[in-house]
Amino acid sequence: MNATGTPATGSERKRRGAVADVLVRLWTEKPLGTASGIIILLLIFVAIFADVLSPYPYWEVHPADMLLGSSARYLLGTDQLGRDFLSRIMFGARLSLLVGLSATTINVVVAVLIGGTSGFIGGKLDLAVQRFVDAWMAFPGLLILLSVMSIAGKGLLQIILVLGISGGIGGSRVTRGAVIAIKENAYFQAARAIGSSQWNVLIRHVLPNIAAPVIILFSINIGGVIIAESSLSFLGFGLPAQIPSWGGMLSREGRVFMETAPWLALWPGLFLTVTVYSLNMFGDAIRDLLDPRLRGGATTLGGGGARVAADRAK
């Protein structure tokens, strides 16, 4: 039965079986990827319930408890204003995951729109779009982000849009390669031969078969987006000072009080490292499981385009 209460079709059962097979293989063949996935789930849980789990509001100041080390009252110590550092780390996790998921979603949408359209239509449009992508990728990524953020200003919405759009332009190469690989398959040529419209071919044959590279692109890019947000916040071009960000913590209290209170730099850096490492390992495991070369194309969520996308994503 599906969500509407009607019996599940054969394609739905097959899709569910493919997802279940990927999860089983993740557990049995990729222990590091499984451990990373568990860490990611814990971070998501902490981010969602930070208001309940945090012992104090992250903005609450205790002037008498400035720069205290770890204790039963303050598990991770306090900062220069006497704020509980564990609470700020928890809300920083919420912010990092929010930026990572939101910006990566925009990243994938932009990549599919640019790369999918370019690869599907081809011709002069593809040539013009790819030269624009080449020119965009020729500039240092951090320089582009700093320039755009200096114009857009600080703010959560600004940083999500900037990271999402800028990353999606470079990621369009992956979706373009997947679409071009699909255009070489017999079923694509058959659909064009029987007179199917371009919109019908795009919806029924192209988009479902680039699901695997899109999933890979999403899972791999989250870590890079979080690092980019932390870098911008560290350099003062990210989020406002009153918002707890792991990168901002490293830049402000972590850098100023590193010698007298080393935990102010240790904990944000450690959590940032563990989060990005877990996301990268989980994304790498998912990429390996969806790569048809590893099992002769037996179990994938997409089609032949995953092979090209995996090569370009490495």
C-alpha atoms as a PDB file:
ATOM      1  CA  MET A   1       0.000   0.000   0.000  1.00  0.00           C
ATOM      2  CA  ASN A   2       1.254   3.482  -0.821  1.00  0.00           C
ATOM      3  CA  ALA A   3       0.591   6.769   0.978  1.00  0.00           C
ATOM      4  CA  THR A   4      -2.840   7.166  -0.680  1.00  0.00           C
ATOM      5  CA  GLY A   5      -4.093   3.763   0.491  1.00  0.00           C
ATOM      6  CA  THR A   6      -4.050   2.146  -2.966  1.00  0.00           C
ATOM      7  CA  PRO A   7      -2.030  -0.995  -3.694  1.00  0.00           C
ATOM      8  CA  ALA A   8       1.593  -0.331  -4.590  1.00  0.00           C
ATOM      9  CA  THR A   9       2.510  -0.805  -8.224  1.00  0.00           C
ATOM     10  CA  GLY A  10       5.334  -2.999  -9.444  1.00  0.00           C
ATOM     11  CA  SER A  11       7.611  -0.026 -10.047  1.00  0.00           C
ATOM     12  CA  GLU A  12       6.976   1.244  -6.507  1.00  0.00           C
ATOM     13  CA  ARG A  13       7.799  -2.156  -4.995  1.00  0.00           C
ATOM     14  CA  LYS A  14      10.922  -2.367  -7.116  1.00  0.00           C
ATOM     15  CA  ARG A  15      12.034   1.100  -6.004  1.00  0.00           C
ATOM     16  CA  ARG A  16      11.461   0.226  -2.349  1.00  0.00           C
ATOM     17  CA  GLY A  17      13.413  -2.996  -2.819  1.00  0.00           C
ATOM     18  CA  ALA A  18      16.310  -1.047  -4.342  1.00  0.00           C
ATOM     19  CA  VAL A  19      16.358   1.392  -1.421  1.00  0.00           C
ATOM     20  CA  ALA A  20      16.250  -1.483   1.090  1.00  0.00           C
ATOM     21  CA  ASP A  21      19.082  -3.233  -0.766  1.00  0.00           C
ATOM     22  CA  VAL A  22      21.222  -0.085  -0.608  1.00  0.00           C
ATOM     23  CA  LEU A  23      20.601   0.223   3.151  1.00  0.00           C
ATOM     24  CA  VAL A  24      21.485  -3.441   3.740  1.00  0.00           C
ATOM     25  CA  ARG A  25      24.660  -3.138   1.687  1.00  0.00           C
ATOM     26  CA  LEU A  26      25.550   0.052   3.527  1.00  0.00           C
ATOM     27  CA  TRP A  27      25.312  -1.827   6.840  1.00  0.00           C
ATOM     28  CA  THR A  28      27.205  -4.916   5.693  1.00  0.00           C
ATOM     29  CA  GLU A  29      29.777  -3.546   3.243  1.00  0.00           C
ATOM     30  CA  LYS A  30      30.460   0.009   4.458  1.00  0.00           C
ATOM     31  CA  PRO A  31      30.931   0.030   8.258  1.00  0.00           C
ATOM     32  CA  LEU A  32      32.622   3.438   8.160  1.00  0.00           C
ATOM     33  CA  GLY A  33      29.780   4.825   6.070  1.00  0.00           C
ATOM     34  CA  THR A  34      27.257   3.316   8.505  1.00  0.00           C
ATOM     35  CA  ALA A  35      29.036   4.864  11.500  1.00  0.00           C
ATOM     36  CA  SER A  36      29.146   8.194   9.677  1.00  0.00           C
ATOM     37  CA  GLY A  37      25.432   7.944   8.938  1.00  0.00           C
ATOM     38  CA  ILE A  38      24.700   7.323  12.631  1.00  0.00           C
ATOM     39  CA  ILE A  39      26.771  10.381  13.576  1.00  0.00           C
ATOM     40  CA  ILE A  40      24.853  12.459  11.020  1.00  0.00           C
ATOM     41  CA  LEU A  41      21.531  11.252  12.450  1.00  0.00           C
ATOM     42  CA  LEU A  42      22.690  12.212  15.958  1.00  0.00           C
ATOM     43  CA  LEU A  43      23.684  15.671  14.736  1.00  0.00           C
ATOM     44  CA  ILE A  44      20.308  16.098  13.048  1.00  0.00           C
ATOM     45  CA  PHE A  45      18.592  15.039  16.275  1.00  0.00           C
ATOM     46  CA  VAL A  46      20.627  17.535  18.303  1.00  0.00           C
ATOM     47  CA  ALA A  47      19.992  20.284  15.756  1.00  0.00           C
ATOM     48  CA  ILE A  48      16.215  19.713  15.768  1.00  0.00           C
ATOM     49  CA  PHE A  49      15.873  19.498  19.553  1.00  0.00           C
ATOM     50  CA  ALA A  50      18.572  22.000  20.508  1.00  0.00           C
ATOM     51  CA  ASP A  51      16.015  24.101  22.398  1.00  0.00           C
ATOM     52  CA  VAL A  52      15.186  21.125  24.622  1.00  0.00           C
ATOM     53  CA  LEU A  53      18.638  19.555  24.929  1.00  0.00           C
ATOM     54  CA  SER A  54      20.693  22.701  25.564  1.00  0.00           C
ATOM     55  CA  PRO A  55      21.146  23.360  29.323  1.00  0.00           C
ATOM     56  CA  TYR A  56      20.970  27.148  28.854  1.00  0.00           C
ATOM     57  CA  PRO A  57      19.805  29.576  26.158  1.00  0.00           C
ATOM     58  CA  TYR A  58      22.773  30.219  23.907  1.00  0.00           C
ATOM     59  CA  TRP A  59      22.504  33.992  24.402  1.00  0.00           C
ATOM     60  CA  GLU A  60      22.262  33.881  28.217  1.00  0.00           C
ATOM     61  CA  VAL A  61      25.198  35.666  29.857  1.00  0.00           C
ATOM     62  CA  HIS A  62      26.667  34.740  33.245  1.00  0.00           C
ATOM     63  CA  PRO A  63      29.245  37.463  34.062  1.00  0.00           C
ATOM     64  CA  ALA A  64      30.528  35.615  37.131  1.00  0.00           C
ATOM     65  CA  ASP A  65      31.349  32.479  35.079  1.00  0.00           C
ATOM     66  CA  MET A  66      33.535  33.897  32.320  1.00  0.00           C
ATOM     67  CA  LEU A  67      36.138  31.585  30.730  1.00  0.00           C
ATOM     68  CA  LEU A  68      35.451  28.620  32.990  1.00  0.00           C
ATOM     69  CA  GLY A  69      36.696  25.200  31.967  1.00  0.00           C
ATOM     70  CA  SER A  70      34.669  21.997  31.751  1.00  0.00           C
ATOM     71  CA  SER A  71      32.674  21.199  34.880  1.00  0.00           C
ATOM     72  CA  ALA A  72      29.470  19.497  35.998  1.00  0.00           C
ATOM     73  CA  ARG A  73      27.587  22.760  35.468  1.00  0.00           C
ATOM     74  CA  TYR A  74      29.213  23.682  32.149  1.00  0.00           C
ATOM     75  CA  LEU A  75      30.227  20.488  30.354  1.00  0.00           C
ATOM     76  CA  LEU A  76      32.212  22.298  27.646  1.00  0.00           C
ATOM     77  CA  GLY A  77      33.058  25.404  29.679  1.00  0.00           C
ATOM     78  CA  THR A  78      32.027  28.997  29.059  1.00  0.00           C
ATOM     79  CA  ASP A  79      33.160  31.763  26.717  1.00  0.00           C
ATOM     80  CA  GLN A  80      34.427  35.276  27.426  1.00  0.00           C
ATOM     81  CA  LEU A  81      30.908  36.483  28.282  1.00  0.00           C
ATOM     82  CA  GLY A  82      30.034  33.569  30.538  1.00  0.00           C
ATOM     83  CA  ARG A  83      27.743  31.869  28.006  1.00  0.00           C
ATOM     84  CA  ASP A  84      27.448  28.095  28.143  1.00  0.00           C
ATOM     85  CA  PHE A  85      29.595  26.767  25.317  1.00  0.00           C
ATOM     86  CA  LEU A  86      27.707  23.451  24.970  1.00  0.00           C
ATOM     87  CA  SER A  87      24.494  25.343  24.234  1.00  0.00           C
ATOM     88  CA  ARG A  88      26.231  27.451  21.626  1.00  0.00           C
ATOM     89  CA  ILE A  89      27.757  24.343  20.018  1.00  0.00           C
ATOM     90  CA  MET A  90      24.304  22.730  19.809  1.00  0.00           C
ATOM     91  CA  PHE A  91      22.742  25.758  18.152  1.00  0.00           C
ATOM     92  CA  GLY A  92      25.803  25.986  15.912  1.00  0.00           C
ATOM     93  CA  ALA A  93      25.044  22.410  14.774  1.00  0.00           C
ATOM     94  CA  ARG A  94      21.490  23.488  13.897  1.00  0.00           C
ATOM     95  CA  LEU A  95      22.813  26.412  11.908  1.00  0.00           C
ATOM     96  CA  SER A  96      25.475  24.401  10.088  1.00  0.00           C
ATOM     97  CA  LEU A  97      23.047  21.659   9.079  1.00  0.00           C
ATOM     98  CA  LEU A  98      20.408  24.198   8.062  1.00  0.00           C
ATOM     99  CA  VAL A  99      22.863  26.018   5.816  1.00  0.00           C
ATOM    100  CA  GLY A 100      24.307  22.742   4.525  1.00  0.00           C
ATOM    101  CA  LEU A 101      20.969  21.142   3.624  1.00  0.00           C
ATOM    102  CA  SER A 102      19.338  24.306   2.265  1.00  0.00           C
ATOM    103  CA  ALA A 103      22.302  25.491   0.205  1.00  0.00           C
ATOM    104  CA  THR A 104      22.997  21.988  -1.122  1.00  0.00           C
ATOM    105  CA  THR A 105      19.353  21.626  -2.183  1.00  0.00           C
ATOM    106  CA  ILE A 106      19.640  24.876  -4.144  1.00  0.00           C
ATOM    107  CA  ASN A 107      23.004  23.628  -5.383  1.00  0.00           C
ATOM    108  CA  VAL A 108      21.456  20.469  -6.836  1.00  0.00           C
ATOM    109  CA  VAL A 109      18.466  22.316  -8.341  1.00  0.00           C
ATOM    110  CA  VAL A 110      20.754  24.803 -10.089  1.00  0.00           C
ATOM    111  CA  ALA A 111      23.037  21.995 -11.275  1.00  0.00           C
ATOM    112  CA  VAL A 112      20.094  20.046 -12.728  1.00  0.00           C
ATOM    113  CA  LEU A 113      18.624  23.132 -14.409  1.00  0.00           C
ATOM    114  CA  ILE A 114      21.897  24.255 -15.977  1.00  0.00           C
ATOM    115  CA  GLY A 115      23.584  20.928 -16.659  1.00  0.00           C
ATOM    116  CA  GLY A 116      20.421  19.015 -17.529  1.00  0.00           C
ATOM    117  CA  THR A 117      19.167  21.644 -19.948  1.00  0.00           C
ATOM    118  CA  SER A 118      22.586  22.096 -21.503  1.00  0.00           C
ATOM    119  CA  GLY A 119      23.185  18.377 -21.981  1.00  0.00           C
ATOM    120  CA  PHE A 120      19.646  17.620 -23.148  1.00  0.00           C
ATOM    121  CA  ILE A 121      19.386  20.359 -25.780  1.00  0.00           C
ATOM    122  CA  GLY A 122      23.044  20.324 -26.829  1.00  0.00           C
ATOM    123  CA  GLY A 123      24.308  22.263 -29.819  1.00  0.00           C
ATOM    124  CA  LYS A 124      25.212  25.934 -29.566  1.00  0.00           C
ATOM    125  CA  LEU A 125      23.356  26.334 -26.270  1.00  0.00           C
ATOM    126  CA  ASP A 126      25.484  23.624 -24.690  1.00  0.00           C
ATOM    127  CA  LEU A 127      28.649  25.218 -26.077  1.00  0.00           C
ATOM    128  CA  ALA A 128      27.743  28.671 -24.732  1.00  0.00           C
ATOM    129  CA  VAL A 129      26.697  27.382 -21.313  1.00  0.00           C
ATOM    130  CA  GLN A 130      29.834  25.297 -20.874  1.00  0.00           C
ATOM    131  CA  ARG A 131      32.089  28.225 -21.760  1.00  0.00           C
ATOM    132  CA  PHE A 132      30.305  30.242 -19.068  1.00  0.00           C
ATOM    133  CA  VAL A 133      30.829  27.390 -16.597  1.00  0.00           C
ATOM    134  CA  ASP A 134      34.514  27.219 -17.595  1.00  0.00           C
ATOM    135  CA  ALA A 135      34.913  30.943 -16.964  1.00  0.00           C
ATOM    136  CA  TRP A 136      33.121  30.668 -13.601  1.00  0.00           C
ATOM    137  CA  MET A 137      35.295  27.770 -12.451  1.00  0.00           C
ATOM    138  CA  ALA A 138      38.457  29.581 -13.515  1.00  0.00           C
ATOM    139  CA  PHE A 139      38.054  32.057 -10.636  1.00  0.00           C
ATOM    140  CA  PRO A 140      39.036  30.984  -7.096  1.00  0.00           C
ATOM    141  CA  GLY A 141      35.893  29.897  -5.307  1.00  0.00           C
ATOM    142  CA  LEU A 142      36.627  31.735  -2.060  1.00  0.00           C
ATOM    143  CA  LEU A 143      37.319  34.965  -3.950  1.00  0.00           C
ATOM    144  CA  ILE A 144      33.926  34.756  -5.673  1.00  0.00           C
ATOM    145  CA  LEU A 145      32.163  34.050  -2.373  1.00  0.00           C
ATOM    146  CA  LEU A 146      33.878  36.947  -0.600  1.00  0.00           C
ATOM    147  CA  SER A 147      33.065  39.345  -3.431  1.00  0.00           C
ATOM    148  CA  VAL A 148      29.405  38.352  -3.617  1.00  0.00           C
ATOM    149  CA  MET A 149      28.935  38.339   0.174  1.00  0.00           C
ATOM    150  CA  SER A 150      30.477  41.794   0.449  1.00  0.00           C
ATOM    151  CA  ILE A 151      27.742  43.009  -1.915  1.00  0.00           C
ATOM    152  CA  ALA A 152      24.842  40.931  -0.561  1.00  0.00           C
ATOM    153  CA  GLY A 153      25.677  41.576   3.100  1.00  0.00           C
ATOM    154  CA  LYS A 154      25.605  39.318   6.126  1.00  0.00           C
ATOM    155  CA  GLY A 155      22.619  37.106   6.821  1.00  0.00           C
ATOM    156  CA  LEU A 156      21.378  33.526   6.813  1.00  0.00           C
ATOM    157  CA  LEU A 157      19.320  33.857   3.619  1.00  0.00           C
ATOM    158  CA  GLN A 158      22.149  35.584   1.767  1.00  0.00           C
ATOM    159  CA  ILE A 159      24.713  32.926   2.607  1.00  0.00           C
ATOM    160  CA  ILE A 160      22.338  30.088   1.664  1.00  0.00           C
ATOM    161  CA  LEU A 161      21.570  31.625  -1.722  1.00  0.00           C
ATOM    162  CA  VAL A 162      25.177  32.530  -2.475  1.00  0.00           C
ATOM    163  CA  LEU A 163      26.564  29.102  -1.556  1.00  0.00           C
ATOM    164  CA  GLY A 164      23.713  27.294  -3.310  1.00  0.00           C
ATOM    165  CA  ILE A 165      23.871  29.146  -6.612  1.00  0.00           C
ATOM    166  CA  SER A 166      27.660  29.378  -6.851  1.00  0.00           C
ATOM    167  CA  GLY A 167      28.128  25.686  -6.064  1.00  0.00           C
ATOM    168  CA  GLY A 168      25.387  24.648  -8.453  1.00  0.00           C
ATOM    169  CA  ILE A 169      27.114  26.256 -11.428  1.00  0.00           C
ATOM    170  CA  GLY A 170      30.213  24.127 -10.957  1.00  0.00           C
ATOM    171  CA  GLY A 171      28.172  21.022 -10.124  1.00  0.00           C
ATOM    172  CA  SER A 172      26.269  21.311 -13.406  1.00  0.00           C
ATOM    173  CA  ARG A 173      29.108  19.385 -15.065  1.00  0.00           C
ATOM    174  CA  VAL A 174      28.015  16.222 -13.226  1.00  0.00           C
ATOM    175  CA  THR A 175      24.381  16.378 -14.332  1.00  0.00           C
ATOM    176  CA  ARG A 176      25.384  17.338 -17.873  1.00  0.00           C
ATOM    177  CA  GLY A 177      27.616  14.268 -18.119  1.00  0.00           C
ATOM    178  CA  ALA A 178      24.825  12.040 -16.808  1.00  0.00           C
ATOM    179  CA  VAL A 179      22.298  13.434 -19.310  1.00  0.00           C
ATOM    180  CA  ILE A 180      24.703  13.032 -22.232  1.00  0.00           C
ATOM    181  CA  ALA A 181      25.291   9.405 -21.213  1.00  0.00           C
ATOM    182  CA  ILE A 182      21.530   8.778 -21.140  1.00  0.00           C
ATOM    183  CA  LYS A 183      21.090  10.277 -24.614  1.00  0.00           C
ATOM    184  CA  GLU A 184      23.306   7.485 -25.980  1.00  0.00           C
ATOM    185  CA  ASN A 185      21.019   4.702 -24.696  1.00  0.00           C
ATOM    186  CA  ALA A 186      18.638   2.831 -26.962  1.00  0.00           C
ATOM    187  CA  TYR A 187      15.488   3.643 -24.979  1.00  0.00           C
ATOM    188  CA  PHE A 188      16.164   7.360 -25.371  1.00  0.00           C
ATOM    189  CA  GLN A 189      16.562   7.048 -29.124  1.00  0.00           C
ATOM    190  CA  ALA A 190      13.433   4.859 -29.303  1.00  0.00           C
ATOM    191  CA  ALA A 191      11.378   7.445 -27.413  1.00  0.00           C
ATOM    192  CA  ARG A 192      12.492  10.138 -29.857  1.00  0.00           C
ATOM    193  CA  ALA A 193      11.818   7.848 -32.824  1.00  0.00           C
ATOM    194  CA  ILE A 194       8.163   7.219 -31.882  1.00  0.00           C
ATOM    195  CA  GLY A 195       7.535  10.956 -31.711  1.00  0.00           C
ATOM    196  CA  SER A 196       7.548  11.597 -27.954  1.00  0.00           C
ATOM    197  CA  SER A 197       7.757  15.266 -27.098  1.00  0.00           C
ATOM    198  CA  GLN A 198      10.910  16.669 -25.567  1.00  0.00           C
ATOM    199  CA  TRP A 199       9.076  17.410 -22.329  1.00  0.00           C
ATOM    200  CA  ASN A 200       7.809  13.813 -22.119  1.00  0.00           C
ATOM    201  CA  VAL A 201      11.276  12.399 -22.805  1.00  0.00           C
ATOM    202  CA  LEU A 202      12.782  14.695 -20.189  1.00  0.00           C
ATOM    203  CA  ILE A 203      10.259  13.772 -17.481  1.00  0.00           C
ATOM    204  CA  ARG A 204       9.949  10.029 -18.158  1.00  0.00           C
ATOM    205  CA  HIS A 205      13.420   9.037 -19.341  1.00  0.00           C
ATOM    206  CA  VAL A 206      15.994  11.632 -18.323  1.00  0.00           C
ATOM    207  CA  LEU A 207      15.150  12.871 -14.827  1.00  0.00           C
ATOM    208  CA  PRO A 208      14.440   9.415 -13.271  1.00  0.00           C
ATOM    209  CA  ASN A 209      17.708   8.057 -14.653  1.00  0.00           C
ATOM    210  CA  ILE A 210      19.898  10.820 -13.230  1.00  0.00           C
ATOM    211  CA  ALA A 211      18.574  10.190  -9.705  1.00  0.00           C
ATOM    212  CA  ALA A 212      21.746   8.366  -8.661  1.00  0.00           C
ATOM    213  CA  PRO A 213      24.230  11.101  -9.686  1.00  0.00           C
ATOM    214  CA  VAL A 214      21.942  13.737  -8.154  1.00  0.00           C
ATOM    215  CA  ILE A 215      21.887  11.834  -4.842  1.00  0.00           C
ATOM    216  CA  ILE A 216      25.669  11.482  -5.005  1.00  0.00           C
ATOM    217  CA  LEU A 217      26.078  15.171  -5.790  1.00  0.00           C
ATOM    218  CA  PHE A 218      23.854  16.113  -2.852  1.00  0.00           C
ATOM    219  CA  SER A 219      25.562  13.858  -0.314  1.00  0.00           C
ATOM    220  CA  ILE A 220      29.087  14.868  -1.304  1.00  0.00           C
ATOM    221  CA  ASN A 221      28.466  18.618  -1.492  1.00  0.00           C
ATOM    222  CA  ILE A 222      26.968  19.080   1.992  1.00  0.00           C
ATOM    223  CA  GLY A 223      30.366  18.904   3.695  1.00  0.00           C
ATOM    224  CA  GLY A 224      31.874  21.414   1.282  1.00  0.00           C
ATOM    225  CA  VAL A 225      28.991  23.837   1.854  1.00  0.00           C
ATOM    226  CA  ILE A 226      29.434  23.653   5.637  1.00  0.00           C
ATOM    227  CA  ILE A 227      33.173  24.293   5.269  1.00  0.00           C
ATOM    228  CA  ALA A 228      32.454  27.260   2.957  1.00  0.00           C
ATOM    229  CA  GLU A 229      29.981  28.753   5.458  1.00  0.00           C
ATOM    230  CA  SER A 230      32.477  28.311   8.296  1.00  0.00           C
ATOM    231  CA  SER A 231      35.220  29.910   6.201  1.00  0.00           C
ATOM    232  CA  LEU A 232      33.066  32.934   5.414  1.00  0.00           C
ATOM    233  CA  SER A 233      32.042  33.305   9.067  1.00  0.00           C
ATOM    234  CA  PHE A 234      35.672  32.957  10.148  1.00  0.00           C
ATOM    235  CA  LEU A 235      36.667  35.760   7.777  1.00  0.00           C
ATOM    236  CA  GLY A 236      33.801  37.965   8.969  1.00  0.00           C
ATOM    237  CA  PHE A 237      31.713  37.735   5.778  1.00  0.00           C
ATOM    238  CA  GLY A 238      29.224  35.132   6.979  1.00  0.00           C
ATOM    239  CA  LEU A 239      26.625  35.378   9.706  1.00  0.00           C
ATOM    240  CA  PRO A 240      26.224  38.218  12.219  1.00  0.00           C
ATOM    241  CA  ALA A 241      28.239  37.985  15.445  1.00  0.00           C
ATOM    242  CA  GLN A 242      25.204  37.297  17.651  1.00  0.00           C
ATOM    243  CA  ILE A 243      24.355  34.098  15.757  1.00  0.00           C
ATOM    244  CA  PRO A 244      26.293  31.028  17.015  1.00  0.00           C
ATOM    245  CA  SER A 245      28.281  29.625  14.104  1.00  0.00           C
ATOM    246  CA  TRP A 246      31.155  27.166  14.399  1.00  0.00           C
ATOM    247  CA  GLY A 247      33.244  29.233  12.000  1.00  0.00           C
ATOM    248  CA  GLY A 248      32.378  32.441  13.850  1.00  0.00           C
ATOM    249  CA  MET A 249      33.351  30.848  17.163  1.00  0.00           C
ATOM    250  CA  LEU A 250      36.752  29.953  15.751  1.00  0.00           C
ATOM    251  CA  SER A 251      37.226  33.479  14.421  1.00  0.00           C
ATOM    252  CA  ARG A 252      36.105  35.502  17.423  1.00  0.00           C
ATOM    253  CA  GLU A 253      36.435  33.969  20.876  1.00  0.00           C
ATOM    254  CA  GLY A 254      38.462  31.003  19.640  1.00  0.00           C
ATOM    255  CA  ARG A 255      41.198  33.106  18.046  1.00  0.00           C
ATOM    256  CA  VAL A 256      41.323  35.832  20.715  1.00  0.00           C
ATOM    257  CA  PHE A 257      41.294  33.563  23.764  1.00  0.00           C
ATOM    258  CA  MET A 258      43.070  30.563  22.259  1.00  0.00           C
ATOM    259  CA  GLU A 259      45.938  30.647  24.768  1.00  0.00           C
ATOM    260  CA  THR A 260      43.958  31.353  27.945  1.00  0.00           C
ATOM    261  CA  ALA A 261      40.894  29.242  27.048  1.00  0.00           C
ATOM    262  CA  PRO A 262      41.897  26.703  24.356  1.00  0.00           C
ATOM    263  CA  TRP A 263      38.507  24.943  24.505  1.00  0.00           C
ATOM    264  CA  LEU A 264      36.949  27.926  22.704  1.00  0.00           C
ATOM    265  CA  ALA A 265      38.856  26.892  19.579  1.00  0.00           C
ATOM    266  CA  LEU A 266      39.055  23.154  20.287  1.00  0.00           C
ATOM    267  CA  TRP A 267      35.353  22.288  20.453  1.00  0.00           C
ATOM    268  CA  PRO A 268      34.092  24.169  17.368  1.00  0.00           C
ATOM    269  CA  GLY A 269      37.009  22.858  15.318  1.00  0.00           C
ATOM    270  CA  LEU A 270      36.473  19.299  16.572  1.00  0.00           C
ATOM    271  CA  PHE A 271      32.729  19.272  15.870  1.00  0.00           C
ATOM    272  CA  LEU A 272      33.274  20.871  12.473  1.00  0.00           C
ATOM    273  CA  THR A 273      35.882  18.245  11.601  1.00  0.00           C
ATOM    274  CA  VAL A 274      33.727  15.312  12.742  1.00  0.00           C
ATOM    275  CA  THR A 275      30.651  16.627  10.925  1.00  0.00           C
ATOM    276  CA  VAL A 276      32.364  17.243   7.611  1.00  0.00           C
ATOM    277  CA  TYR A 277      34.316  13.975   7.813  1.00  0.00           C
ATOM    278  CA  SER A 278      31.121  12.009   8.530  1.00  0.00           C
ATOM    279  CA  LEU A 279      29.277  13.685   5.661  1.00  0.00           C
ATOM    280  CA  ASN A 280      32.132  12.989   3.265  1.00  0.00           C
ATOM    281  CA  MET A 281      32.464   9.342   4.336  1.00  0.00           C
ATOM    282  CA  PHE A 282      28.710   8.790   4.119  1.00  0.00           C
ATOM    283  CA  GLY A 283      28.578  10.432   0.700  1.00  0.00           C
ATOM    284  CA  ASP A 284      31.538   8.358  -0.463  1.00  0.00           C
ATOM    285  CA  ALA A 285      29.829   5.163   0.744  1.00  0.00           C
ATOM    286  CA  ILE A 286      26.591   6.054  -1.042  1.00  0.00           C
ATOM    287  CA  ARG A 287      28.559   6.818  -4.203  1.00  0.00           C
ATOM    288  CA  ASP A 288      30.227   3.406  -4.097  1.00  0.00           C
ATOM    289  CA  LEU A 289      26.925   1.609  -3.496  1.00  0.00           C
ATOM    290  CA  LEU A 290      25.213   3.383  -6.394  1.00  0.00           C
ATOM    291  CA  ASP A 291      28.112   2.928  -8.808  1.00  0.00           C
ATOM    292  CA  PRO A 292      26.994   0.303 -11.363  1.00  0.00           C
ATOM    293  CA  ARG A 293      30.593  -0.715 -12.081  1.00  0.00           C
ATOM    294  CA  LEU A 294      30.889  -2.319  -8.642  1.00  0.00           C
ATOM    295  CA  ARG A 295      28.048  -4.788  -9.223  1.00  0.00           C
ATOM    296  CA  GLY A 296      27.719  -4.754 -12.968  1.00  0.00           C
ATOM    297  CA  GLY A 297      24.798  -2.347 -12.780  1.00  0.00           C
ATOM    298  CA  ALA A 298      22.668  -4.834 -10.819  1.00  0.00           C
ATOM    299  CA  THR A 299      21.221  -2.516  -8.186  1.00  0.00           C
ATOM    300  CA  THR A 300      21.082   1.189  -8.784  1.00  0.00           C
ATOM    301  CA  LEU A 301      18.534   3.917  -8.205  1.00  0.00           C
ATOM    302  CA  GLY A 302      19.261   5.523 -11.528  1.00  0.00           C
ATOM    303  CA  GLY A 303      20.676   4.435 -14.846  1.00  0.00           C
ATOM    304  CA  GLY A 304      23.851   4.491 -16.859  1.00  0.00           C
ATOM    305  CA  GLY A 305      24.357   8.167 -16.098  1.00  0.00           C
ATOM    306  CA  ALA A 306      25.567   7.277 -12.585  1.00  0.00           C
ATOM    307  CA  ARG A 307      28.793   5.911 -14.059  1.00  0.00           C
ATOM    308  CA  VAL A 308      29.754   9.187 -15.706  1.00  0.00           C
ATOM    309  CA  ALA A 309      28.656  11.237 -12.723  1.00  0.00           C
ATOM    310  CA  ALA A 310      30.674   9.115 -10.306  1.00  0.00           C
ATOM    311  CA  ASP A 311      33.786   9.563 -12.425  1.00  0.00           C
ATOM    312  CA  ARG A 312      33.369  13.321 -12.523  1.00  0.00           C
ATOM    313  CA  ALA A 313      32.494  13.582  -8.824  1.00  0.00           C
ATOM    314  CA  LYS A 314      35.747  11.918  -7.706  1.00  0.00           C
END
